[in-house]
């Protein structure tokens, strides 16, 4: 099912960024996997695996566990098992023991069944479209802001999948010595990391540095005394 999962993910990426080019779609999926699982998975391996599939390669495609889960989330499924369950090939019913029926009832029954199934599919598609419609965000100076997917305004590597907790909780700040660095239980309330200019910057939540993509580090008393309360 990994082949089918990858194909569907690339098809959705094509719809969202309006391009048939493989590399931008692979980069989008790679960014989503990192945001969703906090574990990297390169654009190149996604691109290579997809190219194998579309060129009818018989080679088996095997994705890592965090990748199959992240791509399932990207497609709107709760997990990989949910994806498998909802994409099983239909089981053909066995009519060998059924009594033969007249032609007229069949002709009357099949069109009604087809229309009923079609109605359910249309309703399901509408519900799915409006409940899983993708949203996007970019880093703007000291916080993430929601944007439309517009590659003429933002570089592709700047656009991230929208996450409400990132919008609300992830801010870049300049703390003073009076800042509450730890909660009552000793939990960290500030993280830090260096930007591209090698300057230390401080953030209000755990995550990746918006410029470098490196994981932020939790603040320590040593860092507080050396760089903030100096």
Protein backbone atom coordinates (compact mmCIF):
# COMPACT_ATOMS: atom_id res chain seq x y z
CA UNK A 1 0.00 0.00 0.00
CA UNK A 2 3.01 2.33 0.20
CA UNK A 3 2.91 2.85 -3.58
CA UNK A 4 -0.74 3.83 -3.44
CA UNK A 5 -0.12 6.12 -0.45
CA UNK A 6 2.72 7.91 -2.25
CA UNK A 7 0.74 8.28 -5.49
CA UNK A 8 -2.25 9.80 -3.68
CA UNK A 9 0.01 12.18 -1.74
CA UNK A 10 1.68 13.43 -4.93
CA UNK A 11 -1.72 13.81 -6.61
CA UNK A 12 -3.00 15.96 -3.74
CA UNK A 13 0.21 18.02 -3.79
CA UNK A 14 -0.31 18.62 -7.52
CA UNK A 15 -3.81 19.95 -6.86
CA UNK A 16 -2.61 22.25 -4.08
CA UNK A 17 0.41 23.87 -5.72
CA UNK A 18 -0.89 23.62 -9.30
CA UNK A 19 2.18 21.99 -10.86
CA UNK A 20 2.94 18.62 -12.44
CA UNK A 21 6.66 19.00 -11.68
CA UNK A 22 7.80 16.27 -9.30
CA UNK A 23 10.44 18.19 -7.32
CA UNK A 24 8.20 20.98 -5.89
CA UNK A 25 5.61 18.40 -4.89
CA UNK A 26 8.28 16.24 -3.25
CA UNK A 27 9.57 19.29 -1.36
CA UNK A 28 6.07 20.11 -0.14
CA UNK A 29 5.58 16.55 1.14
CA UNK A 30 9.04 16.54 2.75
CA UNK A 31 8.20 19.77 4.62
CA UNK A 32 4.86 18.35 5.75
CA UNK A 33 6.50 15.15 7.04
CA UNK A 34 8.98 17.20 9.08
CA UNK A 35 6.25 19.42 10.53
CA UNK A 36 3.93 16.49 11.28
CA UNK A 37 6.40 13.98 12.72
CA UNK A 38 9.33 16.21 13.79
CA UNK A 39 11.54 13.76 11.86
CA UNK A 40 13.13 14.57 8.49
CA UNK A 41 12.58 12.69 5.23
CA UNK A 42 14.34 14.11 2.21
CA UNK A 43 12.76 15.50 -0.94
CA UNK A 44 15.14 13.43 -3.05
CA UNK A 45 14.07 10.00 -1.76
CA UNK A 46 10.40 10.96 -2.17
CA UNK A 47 11.10 12.09 -5.73
CA UNK A 48 13.10 8.95 -6.57
CA UNK A 49 10.43 6.61 -5.19
CA UNK A 50 7.67 8.42 -7.07
CA UNK A 51 9.64 8.29 -10.32
CA UNK A 52 10.08 4.53 -9.87
CA UNK A 53 6.32 4.15 -9.56
CA UNK A 54 5.37 6.25 -12.58
CA UNK A 55 7.97 4.47 -14.71
CA UNK A 56 6.37 1.11 -13.84
CA UNK A 57 9.31 -0.15 -11.82
CA UNK A 58 8.72 -3.52 -10.17
CA UNK A 59 10.96 -2.51 -7.27
CA UNK A 60 9.20 -2.55 -3.92
CA UNK A 61 8.61 0.85 -2.30
CA UNK A 62 9.09 0.87 1.46
CA UNK A 63 8.46 4.03 3.49
CA UNK A 64 9.58 4.60 7.06
CA UNK A 65 6.99 4.37 9.81
CA UNK A 66 6.85 8.11 10.51
CA UNK A 67 6.53 8.80 6.77
CA UNK A 68 3.54 6.49 6.24
CA UNK A 69 1.80 8.08 9.24
CA UNK A 70 2.57 11.66 8.14
CA UNK A 71 1.42 11.08 4.55
CA UNK A 72 -1.77 9.47 5.88
CA UNK A 73 -2.38 12.62 7.94
CA UNK A 74 -1.69 14.74 4.84
CA UNK A 75 -4.42 12.83 2.99
CA UNK A 76 -6.90 13.33 5.83
CA UNK A 77 -6.68 9.90 7.52
CA UNK A 78 -6.18 9.39 11.25
CA UNK A 79 -3.24 7.03 10.68
CA UNK A 80 -1.83 4.52 8.20
CA UNK A 81 -4.19 1.74 9.29
CA UNK A 82 -7.11 4.06 8.60
CA UNK A 83 -5.70 4.69 5.10
CA UNK A 84 -5.39 0.94 4.45
CA UNK A 85 -8.89 0.23 5.74
CA UNK A 86 -10.50 2.90 3.57
CA UNK A 87 -8.56 2.02 0.43
CA UNK A 88 -9.10 -1.73 0.34
CA UNK A 89 -10.11 -3.05 -3.07
CA UNK A 90 -13.84 -3.84 -3.13
CA UNK A 91 -14.75 -7.46 -2.47
CA UNK A 92 -16.76 -8.96 -5.30
CA UNK A 93 -19.97 -10.55 -3.98
CA UNK A 94 -20.56 -14.22 -4.72
CA UNK A 95 -23.82 -14.57 -6.64
CA UNK A 96 -23.36 -18.23 -7.49
CA UNK A 97 -25.99 -19.42 -5.01
CA UNK A 98 -28.51 -16.66 -5.55
CA UNK A 99 -31.75 -17.50 -7.22
CA UNK A 100 -32.17 -16.14 -10.71
CA UNK A 101 -34.38 -13.12 -10.95
CA UNK A 102 -36.35 -11.66 -13.80
CA UNK A 103 -34.84 -8.98 -16.00
CA UNK A 104 -37.34 -6.25 -15.19
CA UNK A 105 -36.69 -6.03 -11.42
CA UNK A 106 -32.92 -5.89 -12.10
CA UNK A 107 -33.31 -3.07 -14.59
CA UNK A 108 -35.41 -1.20 -12.06
CA UNK A 109 -33.12 -1.91 -9.11
CA UNK A 110 -29.68 -1.14 -10.55
CA UNK A 111 -30.28 2.46 -11.70
CA UNK A 112 -31.77 3.36 -8.32
CA UNK A 113 -28.82 1.79 -6.51
CA UNK A 114 -26.37 3.59 -8.77
CA UNK A 115 -28.03 6.96 -8.18
CA UNK A 116 -28.10 6.36 -4.43
CA UNK A 117 -24.39 5.49 -4.36
CA UNK A 118 -23.60 8.50 -6.53
CA UNK A 119 -25.49 10.77 -4.14
CA UNK A 120 -23.54 9.42 -1.16
CA UNK A 121 -20.26 9.91 -3.02
CA UNK A 122 -21.08 13.52 -3.87
CA UNK A 123 -22.13 14.31 -0.30
CA UNK A 124 -19.01 12.58 1.04
CA UNK A 125 -16.77 14.53 -1.32
CA UNK A 126 -18.31 17.85 -0.28
CA UNK A 127 -17.93 17.06 3.42
CA UNK A 128 -14.35 15.87 2.93
CA UNK A 129 -13.42 18.93 0.86
CA UNK A 130 -14.65 21.46 3.40
CA UNK A 131 -13.38 19.67 6.51
CA UNK A 132 -9.88 18.87 5.22
CA UNK A 133 -9.20 21.95 3.09
CA UNK A 134 -5.53 22.74 3.56
CA UNK A 135 -4.33 25.99 5.14
CA UNK A 136 -0.86 27.52 5.02
CA UNK A 137 1.42 29.82 7.01
CA UNK A 138 4.77 31.61 6.68
CA UNK A 139 7.23 33.08 9.17
CA UNK A 140 6.91 36.87 9.38
CA UNK A 141 9.67 38.55 11.44
CA UNK A 142 8.72 37.20 14.89
CA UNK A 143 5.71 34.92 14.39
CA UNK A 144 3.89 32.66 11.94
CA UNK A 145 0.98 34.18 10.01
CA UNK A 146 -1.65 32.48 7.87
CA UNK A 147 -1.37 33.04 4.10
CA UNK A 148 -2.76 31.77 0.83
CA UNK A 149 -0.60 29.34 -1.17
CA UNK A 150 0.90 31.89 -3.56
CA UNK A 151 4.35 31.00 -4.89
CA UNK A 152 4.66 34.39 -6.58
CA UNK A 153 4.59 36.06 -3.14
CA UNK A 154 6.44 33.47 -1.03
CA UNK A 155 9.25 31.03 -1.77
CA UNK A 156 8.10 27.41 -1.75
CA UNK A 157 10.41 26.53 1.15
CA UNK A 158 8.88 29.36 3.23
CA UNK A 159 5.33 28.05 3.04
CA UNK A 160 4.42 25.66 5.85
CA UNK A 161 1.32 23.64 6.57
CA UNK A 162 -0.94 25.64 8.90
CA UNK A 163 -0.82 24.64 12.56
CA UNK A 164 -2.92 26.57 15.03
CA UNK A 165 -0.55 25.97 17.95
CA UNK A 166 2.34 27.42 15.91
CA UNK A 167 0.30 30.55 15.18
CA UNK A 168 -0.76 31.03 18.82
CA UNK A 169 2.21 29.81 20.84
CA UNK A 170 5.39 30.08 18.74
CA UNK A 171 6.83 33.62 18.95
CA UNK A 172 10.32 35.10 18.78
CA UNK A 173 10.96 37.38 21.75
CA UNK A 174 13.77 39.33 23.42
CA UNK A 175 13.61 38.18 27.07
CA UNK A 176 14.90 40.25 29.99
CA UNK A 177 16.26 38.98 33.29
CA UNK A 178 12.72 39.23 34.75
CA UNK A 179 11.29 36.74 32.25
CA UNK A 180 9.64 33.61 33.71
CA UNK A 181 12.03 31.04 32.23
CA UNK A 182 10.58 28.01 34.10
CA UNK A 183 7.13 27.11 35.41
CA UNK A 184 6.37 26.08 39.00
CA UNK A 185 7.33 22.47 38.27
CA UNK A 186 10.62 23.43 36.66
CA UNK A 187 9.38 23.02 33.09
CA UNK A 188 11.09 25.11 30.42
CA UNK A 189 9.19 28.12 29.02
CA UNK A 190 11.85 29.42 26.63
CA UNK A 191 13.92 27.88 23.82
CA UNK A 192 16.83 29.24 21.83
CA UNK A 193 18.79 28.73 18.62
CA UNK A 194 21.15 30.59 16.30
CA UNK A 195 19.93 32.26 13.12
CA UNK A 196 21.82 32.27 9.82
CA UNK A 197 23.99 35.13 11.10
CA UNK A 198 24.98 32.96 14.12
CA UNK A 199 23.08 35.25 16.49
CA UNK A 200 21.18 33.62 19.37
CA UNK A 201 17.40 34.10 19.21
CA UNK A 202 14.74 33.11 21.74
CA UNK A 203 11.33 31.50 21.20
CA UNK A 204 8.29 30.79 23.37
CA UNK A 205 7.74 27.19 22.25
CA UNK A 206 9.67 24.11 21.20
CA UNK A 207 10.09 23.66 17.46
CA UNK A 208 12.41 24.30 14.53
CA UNK A 209 14.20 27.59 13.96
CA UNK A 210 12.20 29.34 11.20
CA UNK A 211 15.35 30.33 9.27
CA UNK A 212 17.72 27.39 9.71
CA UNK A 213 15.27 24.53 10.29
CA UNK A 214 17.35 23.28 13.24
CA UNK A 215 15.69 22.05 16.44
CA UNK A 216 15.61 24.68 19.18
CA UNK A 217 17.26 23.97 22.53
CA UNK A 218 15.67 24.43 25.97
CA UNK A 219 16.98 27.36 28.00
CA UNK A 220 19.37 26.63 30.87
CA UNK A 221 20.56 28.64 33.86
CA UNK A 222 23.98 28.81 32.23
CA UNK A 223 22.52 30.43 29.09
CA UNK A 224 20.39 32.80 31.18
CA UNK A 225 23.34 34.04 33.25
CA UNK A 226 25.74 34.28 30.29
CA UNK A 227 23.55 35.87 27.62
CA UNK A 228 20.42 37.36 29.21
CA UNK A 229 21.23 38.43 32.78
CA UNK A 230 24.79 39.46 32.01
